[in-house]
Amino acid sequence: MIQKNIKKPTIMVVDDTPENIDVLKGVLHELYVLRPAINGELALRLALVEPLPSLILLDIMMPGMDGYEVCRRLKANPLTSQIPVIFITAMSETENEVQGLSVSAVDYLTKPVIPAIVKARVQTQLALRQARLELEEKNLILKDEKELLEDIVTRMRSASPFDNRRLRHIQSSLERTAGDIILSAYRPDGTQQVLVGDFSGHGLTAAFGAPLVSYIFYRLSGEGCSVQQILEELNRILYRQLPTQLYMAAGAMELSADRKQLKLWNCGLPPVLCMNLSSDITSSSSKGLPLGIIELVDNFEPHTEIDMLPGMQVYMYTDGLTEAMSVDHILYGQARLERLVTRIHREKLPLEIIWQELDAYCGGFGLSDDAVMVELSL
């Protein structure tokens, strides 16, 4: 039977006393390729020779450059910074060991060495290094797969036929793919339909539901279905197709073709704000469960119906805005948001003012959740 050649790891031994190097060679030569260096300067050069050492055994007391400085320079060089260093030295005081660990050595052994201890410590550190390398490789694979999935979700979402007539909207996400969505379409009869969704959680997991919701919304709207019918179908599909912990708080608006009658639904979102020409606010709080929690819902009748008057605007948004946190851990809150929206409405400011306000409130640290807002105008 022919055995395959197994490549031995390379270990560099740095000591100004050749006899000490010979002792370590005798202990480790069967399992490892030993690379000797008799001073710090030579060690730094040999550490860059291929194959790079898998581990370095380093004396401290050497003429010229001592072991502490050698270790510092190894850790400062990106090519050698990840090579584990074990100090092997006659310096047995606690402060010496503390100093050795402070320059990023992984272990500290004192002379005279005990062969079994040296073998065990070397094997442990090499196993840890191998595990770290394998973990880094797996993380790179996961990162590539995550980016691929993000690209797929982003393309699917960007393909949505969003109709922005009579709308302004803003959106902020913690990652490339957001769990908060805004959808807008006109039915064939001219009725405007808007949906705001906030999936539980955020990031890629939450974003996976968005293309499904978008497809259902635009297909049914194009077929002339009412928002009530769309919400019923979304609730049924989300309940059946998504995991239990993934559901969607939702708000919807349906404005008649003559733009005189507005129907509102609020299923788990913050209060919807309706503002008249005098900047008086009427709010519509949540009256229904988020979609996808239970399959059988009594009905999805409109929660509020409003006669639209000249100058009226309606604001629908997710809780990422009200839950913005100051450096003192105080929520931005509903009252502050209503005052800000009132100013935007009265002074006809861009919605992007909200990001400036929240960034200042959060001390420049940004939001802690995805957030969207849509403004519907008459």
Protein backbone atom coordinates (compact mmCIF):
# COMPACT_ATOMS: atom_id res chain seq x y z
CA MET A 1 0.00 0.00 0.00
CA ILE A 2 1.45 3.36 -1.02
CA GLN A 3 1.01 6.12 1.54
CA LYS A 4 0.37 9.65 0.34
CA ASN A 5 2.95 12.21 1.33
CA ILE A 6 1.52 14.43 4.03
CA LYS A 7 3.08 17.87 4.08
CA LYS A 8 4.42 18.65 7.54
CA PRO A 9 3.78 22.10 9.03
CA THR A 10 6.83 24.36 9.24
CA ILE A 11 7.83 25.65 12.67
CA MET A 12 10.48 28.32 13.06
CA VAL A 13 12.64 28.11 16.19
CA VAL A 14 14.38 31.37 17.18
CA ASP A 15 17.12 31.16 19.83
CA ASP A 16 20.67 32.54 20.02
CA THR A 17 21.86 29.31 21.65
CA PRO A 18 22.22 26.46 19.13
CA GLU A 19 21.91 23.86 21.89
CA ASN A 20 18.43 25.10 22.73
CA ILE A 21 17.44 24.84 19.07
CA ASP A 22 18.75 21.26 19.01
CA VAL A 23 16.62 20.36 22.05
CA LEU A 24 13.45 21.57 20.33
CA LYS A 25 14.44 19.82 17.10
CA GLY A 26 14.71 16.57 19.04
CA VAL A 27 11.24 17.07 20.49
CA LEU A 28 9.43 18.14 17.30
CA HIS A 29 11.32 16.88 14.24
CA GLU A 30 9.12 13.80 13.66
CA LEU A 31 5.94 15.84 13.16
CA TYR A 32 7.21 19.17 11.84
CA VAL A 33 9.76 20.80 9.55
CA LEU A 34 11.99 22.93 11.76
CA ARG A 35 13.45 26.22 10.50
CA PRO A 36 16.15 27.59 12.85
CA ALA A 37 17.11 31.25 13.31
CA ILE A 38 19.86 32.38 15.69
CA ASN A 39 18.82 36.04 16.08
CA GLY A 40 15.88 38.38 15.64
CA GLU A 41 16.97 39.96 12.36
CA LEU A 42 17.38 36.57 10.70
CA ALA A 43 14.06 35.42 12.13
CA LEU A 44 12.19 38.33 10.51
CA ARG A 45 13.72 37.47 7.12
CA LEU A 46 13.09 33.73 7.39
CA ALA A 47 9.50 34.29 8.50
CA LEU A 48 8.79 35.57 4.96
CA VAL A 49 10.25 32.54 3.18
CA GLU A 50 7.71 30.24 1.53
CA PRO A 51 6.16 28.22 2.93
CA LEU A 52 5.49 30.67 5.73
CA PRO A 53 5.87 29.15 9.20
CA SER A 54 2.71 27.73 10.72
CA LEU A 55 4.04 28.65 14.18
CA ILE A 56 7.07 30.37 15.72
CA LEU A 57 8.88 29.36 18.92
CA LEU A 58 10.68 32.48 20.10
CA ASP A 59 13.30 33.14 22.75
CA ILE A 60 13.20 36.49 24.53
CA MET A 61 16.77 37.17 25.71
CA MET A 62 18.85 37.53 22.54
CA PRO A 63 21.62 39.98 21.63
CA GLY A 64 20.53 42.91 19.47
CA MET A 65 16.79 42.60 18.91
CA ASP A 66 15.04 40.80 21.80
CA GLY A 67 12.04 38.48 21.41
CA TYR A 68 9.49 41.11 22.41
CA GLU A 69 10.56 43.36 19.54
CA VAL A 70 10.66 40.45 17.09
CA CYS A 71 7.09 39.58 18.04
CA ARG A 72 5.94 43.20 17.66
CA ARG A 73 7.40 43.39 14.15
CA LEU A 74 5.91 40.04 13.16
CA LYS A 75 2.46 41.20 14.27
CA ALA A 76 2.89 44.54 12.49
CA ASN A 77 3.54 42.85 9.14
CA PRO A 78 0.31 41.74 7.37
CA LEU A 79 2.18 38.76 5.88
CA THR A 80 3.15 37.35 9.29
CA SER A 81 0.63 38.89 11.67
CA GLN A 82 -1.53 35.75 11.83
CA ILE A 83 1.33 33.34 12.62
CA PRO A 84 0.98 32.23 16.27
CA VAL A 85 4.03 32.93 18.46
CA ILE A 86 4.94 30.95 21.57
CA PHE A 87 7.66 32.40 23.79
CA ILE A 88 10.14 29.85 25.18
CA THR A 89 12.45 31.56 27.64
CA ALA A 90 14.36 31.31 30.89
CA MET A 91 12.55 34.45 32.11
CA SER A 92 10.04 33.01 34.55
CA GLU A 93 8.72 36.10 36.35
CA THR A 94 5.03 36.89 36.06
CA GLU A 95 5.70 40.34 34.64
CA ASN A 96 7.77 38.77 31.84
CA GLU A 97 4.87 36.49 30.88
CA VAL A 98 2.43 39.41 31.01
CA GLN A 99 4.68 41.43 28.73
CA GLY A 100 4.98 38.51 26.33
CA LEU A 101 1.21 38.10 26.09
CA SER A 102 0.79 41.87 25.71
CA VAL A 103 2.69 41.77 22.41
CA SER A 104 0.19 39.17 21.11
CA ALA A 105 2.03 35.92 21.82
CA VAL A 106 -0.43 33.03 22.17
CA ASP A 107 1.51 31.15 24.87
CA TYR A 108 4.51 31.39 27.19
CA LEU A 109 6.75 28.47 28.23
CA THR A 110 9.76 28.56 30.51
CA LYS A 111 13.06 26.70 30.19
CA PRO A 112 14.09 24.02 30.73
CA VAL A 113 11.33 22.74 28.49
CA ILE A 114 9.29 19.62 29.21
CA PRO A 115 8.95 17.75 25.88
CA ALA A 116 5.39 16.56 26.44
CA ILE A 117 4.27 20.09 27.35
CA VAL A 118 5.97 21.61 24.28
CA LYS A 119 4.31 19.04 21.99
CA ALA A 120 0.89 19.59 23.55
CA ARG A 121 1.07 23.41 23.37
CA VAL A 122 2.32 23.36 19.76
CA GLN A 123 -0.41 20.92 18.68
CA THR A 124 -3.08 23.01 20.41
CA GLN A 125 -2.01 26.25 18.76
CA LEU A 126 -1.72 24.66 15.32
CA ALA A 127 -5.20 23.14 15.71
CA LEU A 128 -6.59 26.53 16.71
CA ARG A 129 -4.88 28.17 13.73
CA GLN A 130 -6.26 25.59 11.34
CA ALA A 131 -9.75 25.99 12.78
CA ARG A 132 -9.50 29.77 12.38
CA LEU A 133 -8.34 29.44 8.76
CA GLU A 134 -11.20 27.06 7.97
CA LEU A 135 -13.68 29.41 9.64
CA GLU A 136 -12.37 32.38 7.64
CA GLU A 137 -12.68 30.36 4.42
CA LYS A 138 -16.26 29.39 5.26
CA ASN A 139 -17.07 33.00 6.11
CA LEU A 140 -15.76 34.10 2.72
CA ILE A 141 -17.99 31.51 1.03
CA LEU A 142 -20.97 32.67 3.08
CA LYS A 143 -20.17 36.29 2.24
CA ASP A 144 -20.11 35.46 -1.48
CA GLU A 145 -23.40 33.56 -1.21
CA LYS A 146 -24.98 36.40 0.77
CA GLU A 147 -23.92 38.95 -1.86
CA LEU A 148 -25.38 36.73 -4.59
CA LEU A 149 -28.70 36.45 -2.76
CA GLU A 150 -28.71 40.21 -2.13
CA ASP A 151 -28.18 40.80 -5.85
CA ILE A 152 -31.08 38.50 -6.68
CA VAL A 153 -33.42 40.17 -4.18
CA THR A 154 -32.32 43.65 -5.28
CA ARG A 155 -32.95 42.86 -8.95
CA MET A 156 -36.37 41.40 -8.17
CA ARG A 157 -37.33 44.49 -6.19
CA SER A 158 -35.96 46.97 -8.70
CA ALA A 159 -38.06 45.30 -11.40
CA SER A 160 -41.27 46.28 -9.57
CA PRO A 161 -43.44 48.74 -11.55
CA PHE A 162 -43.56 51.39 -8.82
CA ASP A 163 -45.80 54.33 -9.80
CA ASN A 164 -44.71 57.51 -8.01
CA ARG A 165 -47.42 59.87 -9.26
CA ARG A 166 -48.79 62.07 -6.44
CA LEU A 167 -46.29 60.44 -4.05
CA ARG A 168 -43.11 61.30 -2.24
CA HIS A 169 -41.24 58.65 -0.35
CA ILE A 170 -37.98 57.99 1.52
CA GLN A 171 -36.36 54.74 2.56
CA SER A 172 -33.37 53.75 4.70
CA SER A 173 -32.07 50.24 5.28
CA LEU A 174 -29.37 48.85 7.56
CA GLU A 175 -28.19 46.49 4.83
CA ARG A 176 -28.36 46.31 1.05
CA THR A 177 -31.70 44.53 1.25
CA ALA A 178 -34.37 46.05 3.45
CA GLY A 179 -37.30 44.52 5.30
CA ASP A 180 -39.41 47.66 4.81
CA ILE A 181 -41.16 48.19 1.48
CA ILE A 182 -43.30 50.75 -0.37
CA LEU A 183 -45.45 49.68 -3.31
CA SER A 184 -47.62 51.94 -5.45
CA ALA A 185 -49.85 51.27 -8.44
CA TYR A 186 -52.95 52.53 -10.25
CA ARG A 187 -55.74 50.10 -11.02
CA PRO A 188 -57.06 50.08 -14.59
CA ASP A 189 -59.98 52.27 -13.42
CA GLY A 190 -57.57 54.96 -12.09
CA THR A 191 -57.82 54.08 -8.40
CA GLN A 192 -54.49 54.62 -6.66
CA GLN A 193 -53.26 51.88 -4.31
CA VAL A 194 -50.30 52.13 -1.93
CA LEU A 195 -48.87 49.51 0.40
CA VAL A 196 -46.26 50.00 3.13
CA GLY A 197 -44.80 46.87 4.71
CA ASP A 198 -42.47 46.19 7.60
CA PHE A 199 -41.26 42.60 7.88
CA SER A 200 -40.23 41.27 11.27
CA GLY A 201 -36.47 41.54 11.73
CA HIS A 202 -34.29 43.21 9.13
CA GLY A 203 -31.61 42.41 6.59
CA LEU A 204 -31.61 39.54 4.13
CA THR A 205 -34.03 37.27 6.02
CA ALA A 206 -36.70 39.95 6.23
CA ALA A 207 -36.07 41.09 2.65
CA PHE A 208 -36.89 37.67 1.20
CA GLY A 209 -40.61 38.28 1.67
CA ALA A 210 -40.55 41.57 -0.24
CA PRO A 211 -40.42 40.18 -3.81
CA LEU A 212 -43.31 37.83 -3.01
CA VAL A 213 -45.45 40.66 -1.63
CA SER A 214 -44.49 42.92 -4.53
CA TYR A 215 -45.46 40.31 -7.12
CA ILE A 216 -48.85 39.65 -5.52
CA PHE A 217 -49.62 43.35 -5.05
CA TYR A 218 -48.83 44.44 -8.61
CA ARG A 219 -50.47 41.41 -10.21
CA LEU A 220 -53.74 41.82 -8.30
CA SER A 221 -53.76 45.61 -8.69
CA GLY A 222 -53.29 45.19 -12.43
CA GLU A 223 -56.25 42.80 -12.47
CA GLY A 224 -58.43 45.47 -10.86
CA CYS A 225 -58.62 43.95 -7.37
CA SER A 226 -59.40 46.15 -4.37
CA VAL A 227 -56.93 46.69 -1.54
CA GLN A 228 -59.21 44.59 0.64
CA GLN A 229 -58.81 41.65 -1.75
CA ILE A 230 -55.05 42.23 -2.00
CA LEU A 231 -54.63 42.22 1.79
CA GLU A 232 -56.68 39.04 2.11
CA GLU A 233 -54.50 37.27 -0.47
CA LEU A 234 -51.26 38.58 1.02
CA ASN A 235 -52.25 37.42 4.48
CA ARG A 236 -53.12 33.95 3.20
CA ILE A 237 -49.92 33.55 1.17
CA LEU A 238 -47.61 34.91 3.87
CA TYR A 239 -49.16 32.64 6.49
CA ARG A 240 -48.72 29.57 4.29
CA GLN A 241 -45.38 30.30 2.66
CA LEU A 242 -43.23 32.05 5.27
CA PRO A 243 -41.80 30.73 8.57
CA THR A 244 -43.85 31.43 11.70
CA GLN A 245 -41.46 34.10 12.97
CA LEU A 246 -41.62 36.05 9.70
CA TYR A 247 -44.67 38.28 9.27
CA MET A 248 -45.38 41.76 7.93
CA ALA A 249 -46.88 44.79 9.62
CA ALA A 250 -48.70 46.60 6.84
CA GLY A 251 -50.54 49.78 5.99
CA ALA A 252 -52.49 50.44 2.83
CA MET A 253 -54.22 53.35 1.12
CA GLU A 254 -56.75 53.30 -1.67
CA LEU A 255 -57.66 56.64 -3.25
CA SER A 256 -60.59 56.73 -5.61
CA ALA A 257 -60.06 57.68 -9.26
CA ASP A 258 -61.66 61.11 -8.66
CA ARG A 259 -59.30 61.53 -5.64
CA LYS A 260 -62.16 62.40 -3.32
CA GLN A 261 -62.43 59.27 -1.17
CA LEU A 262 -59.53 57.63 0.71
CA LYS A 263 -59.68 54.25 2.41
CA LEU A 264 -57.05 53.36 5.01
CA TRP A 265 -55.87 50.09 6.53
CA ASN A 266 -53.41 49.86 9.41
CA CYS A 267 -52.27 46.38 10.42
CA GLY A 268 -49.46 46.87 12.91
CA LEU A 269 -47.88 50.12 11.69
CA PRO A 270 -47.56 53.36 13.71
CA PRO A 271 -50.48 55.81 13.40
CA VAL A 272 -51.15 57.03 9.86
CA LEU A 273 -51.18 60.85 9.80
CA CYS A 274 -53.70 62.80 7.73
CA MET A 275 -53.02 66.53 7.55
CA ASN A 276 -55.32 69.20 6.17
CA LEU A 277 -54.52 72.59 4.65
CA SER A 278 -54.39 74.15 8.14
CA SER A 279 -51.87 71.49 9.28
CA ASP A 280 -54.34 69.90 11.67
CA ILE A 281 -53.51 66.20 12.21
CA THR A 282 -55.93 63.30 12.25
CA SER A 283 -54.31 59.96 13.05
CA SER A 284 -55.42 56.42 12.32
CA SER A 285 -53.94 53.86 14.71
CA SER A 286 -53.45 50.17 14.04
CA LYS A 287 -56.68 48.18 14.07
CA GLY A 288 -55.53 44.88 12.63
CA LEU A 289 -52.91 42.18 13.11
CA PRO A 290 -49.79 42.13 10.92
CA LEU A 291 -50.17 39.95 7.86
CA GLY A 292 -49.11 36.32 8.03
CA ILE A 293 -49.72 35.72 11.74
CA ILE A 294 -53.06 33.92 11.44
CA GLU A 295 -54.67 32.56 8.30
CA LEU A 296 -58.33 33.17 9.06
CA VAL A 297 -59.07 36.86 9.51
CA ASP A 298 -62.72 37.94 9.85
CA ASN A 299 -62.39 40.61 7.19
CA PHE A 300 -60.17 43.28 5.78
CA GLU A 301 -62.75 46.04 5.63
CA PRO A 302 -61.20 49.53 5.57
CA HIS A 303 -60.27 50.75 9.04
CA THR A 304 -60.86 54.41 8.17
CA GLU A 305 -62.50 56.31 5.31
CA ILE A 306 -61.65 59.97 4.69
CA ASP A 307 -63.19 62.60 2.44
CA MET A 308 -60.17 64.21 0.78
CA LEU A 309 -60.13 68.01 0.63
CA PRO A 310 -57.80 70.37 -1.26
CA GLY A 311 -54.32 70.55 0.31
CA MET A 312 -54.65 67.32 2.29
CA GLN A 313 -51.71 64.94 2.59
CA VAL A 314 -51.41 61.53 4.20
CA TYR A 315 -48.25 60.12 5.77
CA MET A 316 -47.66 56.41 6.28
CA TYR A 317 -44.39 55.08 7.76
CA THR A 318 -42.71 52.29 9.68
CA ASP A 319 -41.54 52.28 13.30
CA GLY A 320 -37.87 52.64 12.38
CA LEU A 321 -38.53 56.41 12.50
CA THR A 322 -40.19 56.65 15.91
CA GLU A 323 -37.79 54.11 17.42
CA ALA A 324 -34.65 56.04 16.49
CA MET A 325 -32.50 56.21 19.62
CA SER A 326 -30.55 59.13 21.04
CA VAL A 327 -27.11 58.67 22.61
CA ASP A 328 -28.96 58.81 25.95
CA HIS A 329 -31.13 55.86 24.84
CA ILE A 330 -34.31 57.93 24.48
CA LEU A 331 -36.66 57.09 21.63
CA TYR A 332 -37.43 59.78 19.08
CA GLY A 333 -41.08 59.00 19.60
CA GLN A 334 -44.42 59.77 18.00
CA ALA A 335 -44.79 63.33 19.28
CA ARG A 336 -41.48 64.52 17.81
CA LEU A 337 -42.26 62.87 14.49
CA GLU A 338 -45.68 64.51 14.28
CA ARG A 339 -44.14 67.93 14.93
CA LEU A 340 -41.55 67.30 12.22
CA VAL A 341 -44.16 66.11 9.71
CA THR A 342 -46.27 69.17 10.49
CA ARG A 343 -43.32 71.40 9.67
CA ILE A 344 -42.63 69.51 6.44
CA HIS A 345 -46.28 69.84 5.43
CA ARG A 346 -46.62 73.51 6.36
CA GLU A 347 -43.30 74.67 4.87
CA LYS A 348 -43.42 72.28 1.90
CA LEU A 349 -40.02 70.83 2.80
CA PRO A 350 -38.46 67.72 1.20
CA LEU A 351 -39.01 64.48 3.09
CA GLU A 352 -35.23 64.03 3.28
CA ILE A 353 -35.29 66.57 6.13
CA ILE A 354 -36.34 63.59 8.26
CA TRP A 355 -32.96 61.90 7.79
CA GLN A 356 -31.13 65.08 8.79
CA GLU A 357 -33.26 65.41 11.91
CA LEU A 358 -32.87 61.77 12.94
CA ASP A 359 -29.14 61.72 12.26
CA ALA A 360 -28.68 64.69 14.55
CA TYR A 361 -30.95 63.12 17.19
CA CYS A 362 -28.99 59.83 17.07
CA GLY A 363 -25.67 61.64 17.44
CA GLY A 364 -24.55 60.56 13.99
CA PHE A 365 -24.82 56.84 14.81
CA GLY A 366 -27.72 56.22 12.44
CA LEU A 367 -30.98 54.31 12.81
CA SER A 368 -31.24 50.94 14.54
CA ASP A 369 -33.87 49.58 12.14
CA ASP A 370 -35.04 49.88 8.53
CA ALA A 371 -37.40 52.79 7.96
CA VAL A 372 -39.67 54.18 5.24
CA MET A 373 -42.18 56.99 4.87
CA VAL A 374 -44.60 57.77 2.05
CA GLU A 375 -46.56 60.99 1.54
CA LEU A 376 -49.74 60.80 -0.53
CA SER A 377 -51.00 64.09 -1.93
CA LEU A 378 -54.39 64.98 -3.34
